[in-house]
C-alpha cells in the first residue's frame, strides 16, 4: 500500500508545482504586457 500512497503524493506534488508554474508564467506575461518596451525599441 505504500507505493500507492507515494504515487498519490507525487501526483499531488506535481499538480501543485504545475499550478505554481502557471501562476508565475501568467504574472510574468502580464508584467511584459504592461511594459511594451519591444515595440518602442523595434
N, C-alpha and C. Protein backbone atom coordinates (compact mmCIF):
# COMPACT_ATOMS: atom_id res chain seq x y z
N UNK A 1 0.84 -1.22 0.00
CA UNK A 1 0.00 0.00 0.00
C UNK A 1 0.87 1.26 0.00
N UNK A 2 2.11 1.11 0.44
CA UNK A 2 2.97 2.31 0.49
C UNK A 2 3.17 2.89 -0.91
N UNK A 3 3.36 2.03 -1.89
CA UNK A 3 3.59 2.51 -3.26
C UNK A 3 2.42 3.38 -3.72
N UNK A 4 1.21 2.96 -3.39
CA UNK A 4 0.03 3.72 -3.82
C UNK A 4 0.06 5.12 -3.20
N UNK A 5 0.34 5.19 -1.89
CA UNK A 5 0.38 6.50 -1.22
C UNK A 5 1.50 7.37 -1.79
N UNK A 6 2.65 6.76 -2.06
CA UNK A 6 3.78 7.51 -2.62
C UNK A 6 3.41 8.07 -3.98
N UNK A 7 2.76 7.25 -4.80
CA UNK A 7 2.36 7.70 -6.15
C UNK A 7 1.35 8.83 -6.03
N UNK A 8 0.40 8.71 -5.11
CA UNK A 8 -0.61 9.75 -4.93
C UNK A 8 0.05 11.05 -4.47
N UNK A 9 0.97 10.96 -3.53
CA UNK A 9 1.67 12.16 -3.03
C UNK A 9 2.46 12.81 -4.16
N UNK A 10 3.13 12.00 -4.97
CA UNK A 10 3.91 12.54 -6.09
C UNK A 10 2.98 13.23 -7.08
N UNK A 11 1.81 12.63 -7.32
CA UNK A 11 0.85 13.22 -8.25
C UNK A 11 0.40 14.59 -7.74
N UNK A 12 0.03 14.66 -6.46
CA UNK A 12 -0.43 15.94 -5.88
C UNK A 12 0.69 16.97 -5.94
N UNK A 13 1.91 16.56 -5.60
CA UNK A 13 3.05 17.50 -5.61
C UNK A 13 3.27 18.03 -7.02
N UNK A 14 3.23 17.13 -8.01
CA UNK A 14 3.44 17.56 -9.41
C UNK A 14 2.34 18.54 -9.82
N UNK A 15 1.10 18.26 -9.42
CA UNK A 15 0.00 19.17 -9.77
C UNK A 15 0.21 20.54 -9.15
N UNK A 16 0.63 20.57 -7.89
CA UNK A 16 0.86 21.87 -7.23
C UNK A 16 1.98 22.63 -7.94
N UNK A 17 3.06 21.94 -8.29
CA UNK A 17 4.19 22.59 -8.97
C UNK A 17 3.74 23.16 -10.31
N UNK A 18 2.97 22.37 -11.07
CA UNK A 18 2.49 22.85 -12.38
C UNK A 18 1.60 24.07 -12.19
N UNK A 19 0.73 24.04 -11.15
CA UNK A 19 -0.17 25.17 -10.90
C UNK A 19 0.65 26.42 -10.56
N UNK A 20 1.68 26.26 -9.71
CA UNK A 20 2.52 27.40 -9.33
C UNK A 20 3.25 27.94 -10.56
N UNK A 21 3.76 27.05 -11.40
CA UNK A 21 4.47 27.49 -12.61
C UNK A 21 3.52 28.27 -13.51
N UNK A 22 2.28 27.82 -13.62
CA UNK A 22 1.31 28.54 -14.46
C UNK A 22 1.06 29.93 -13.90
N UNK A 23 0.93 30.03 -12.57
CA UNK A 23 0.70 31.35 -11.96
C UNK A 23 1.89 32.26 -12.23
N UNK A 24 3.11 31.74 -12.02
CA UNK A 24 4.31 32.56 -12.23
C UNK A 24 4.40 33.01 -13.69
N UNK A 25 4.17 32.10 -14.62
CA UNK A 25 4.26 32.45 -16.05
C UNK A 25 3.20 33.49 -16.39
N UNK A 26 2.01 33.36 -15.83
CA UNK A 26 0.94 34.33 -16.11
C UNK A 26 1.34 35.70 -15.58
N UNK A 27 1.93 35.75 -14.38
CA UNK A 27 2.35 37.04 -13.82
C UNK A 27 3.44 37.67 -14.68
N UNK A 28 4.39 36.86 -15.13
CA UNK A 28 5.48 37.38 -15.98
C UNK A 28 4.90 37.92 -17.28
N UNK A 29 3.95 37.20 -17.86
CA UNK A 29 3.34 37.65 -19.13
C UNK A 29 2.62 38.97 -18.92
N UNK A 30 1.89 39.09 -17.81
CA UNK A 30 1.16 40.34 -17.56
C UNK A 30 2.16 41.48 -17.36
N UNK A 31 3.28 41.20 -16.68
CA UNK A 31 4.28 42.26 -16.47
C UNK A 31 4.86 42.70 -17.82
N UNK A 32 5.16 41.74 -18.69
CA UNK A 32 5.72 42.08 -20.00
C UNK A 32 4.70 42.88 -20.82
N UNK A 33 3.43 42.51 -20.71
CA UNK A 33 2.40 43.21 -21.48
C UNK A 33 2.25 44.65 -21.00
N UNK A 34 2.42 44.86 -19.69
CA UNK A 34 2.28 46.22 -19.14
C UNK A 34 3.40 47.13 -19.67
N UNK A 35 4.58 46.56 -19.91
CA UNK A 35 5.70 47.38 -20.40
C UNK A 35 6.01 47.02 -21.85
N UNK A 36 5.42 47.67 -22.82
CA UNK A 36 5.69 47.37 -24.24
C UNK A 36 7.02 47.96 -24.68
N UNK A 37 8.13 47.46 -24.11
CA UNK A 37 9.46 48.01 -24.44
C UNK A 37 9.88 47.54 -25.84
N UNK A 38 9.51 46.33 -26.22
CA UNK A 38 9.91 45.80 -27.53
C UNK A 38 9.38 46.66 -28.66
N UNK A 39 8.14 47.13 -28.55
CA UNK A 39 7.56 47.94 -29.63
C UNK A 39 8.30 49.27 -29.77
N UNK A 40 8.68 49.87 -28.64
CA UNK A 40 9.35 51.17 -28.70
C UNK A 40 10.76 51.02 -29.30
N UNK A 41 11.47 49.95 -28.89
CA UNK A 41 12.84 49.75 -29.40
C UNK A 41 12.82 49.33 -30.88
N UNK A 42 11.81 48.49 -31.23
CA UNK A 42 11.75 47.94 -32.59
C UNK A 42 13.00 47.12 -32.86
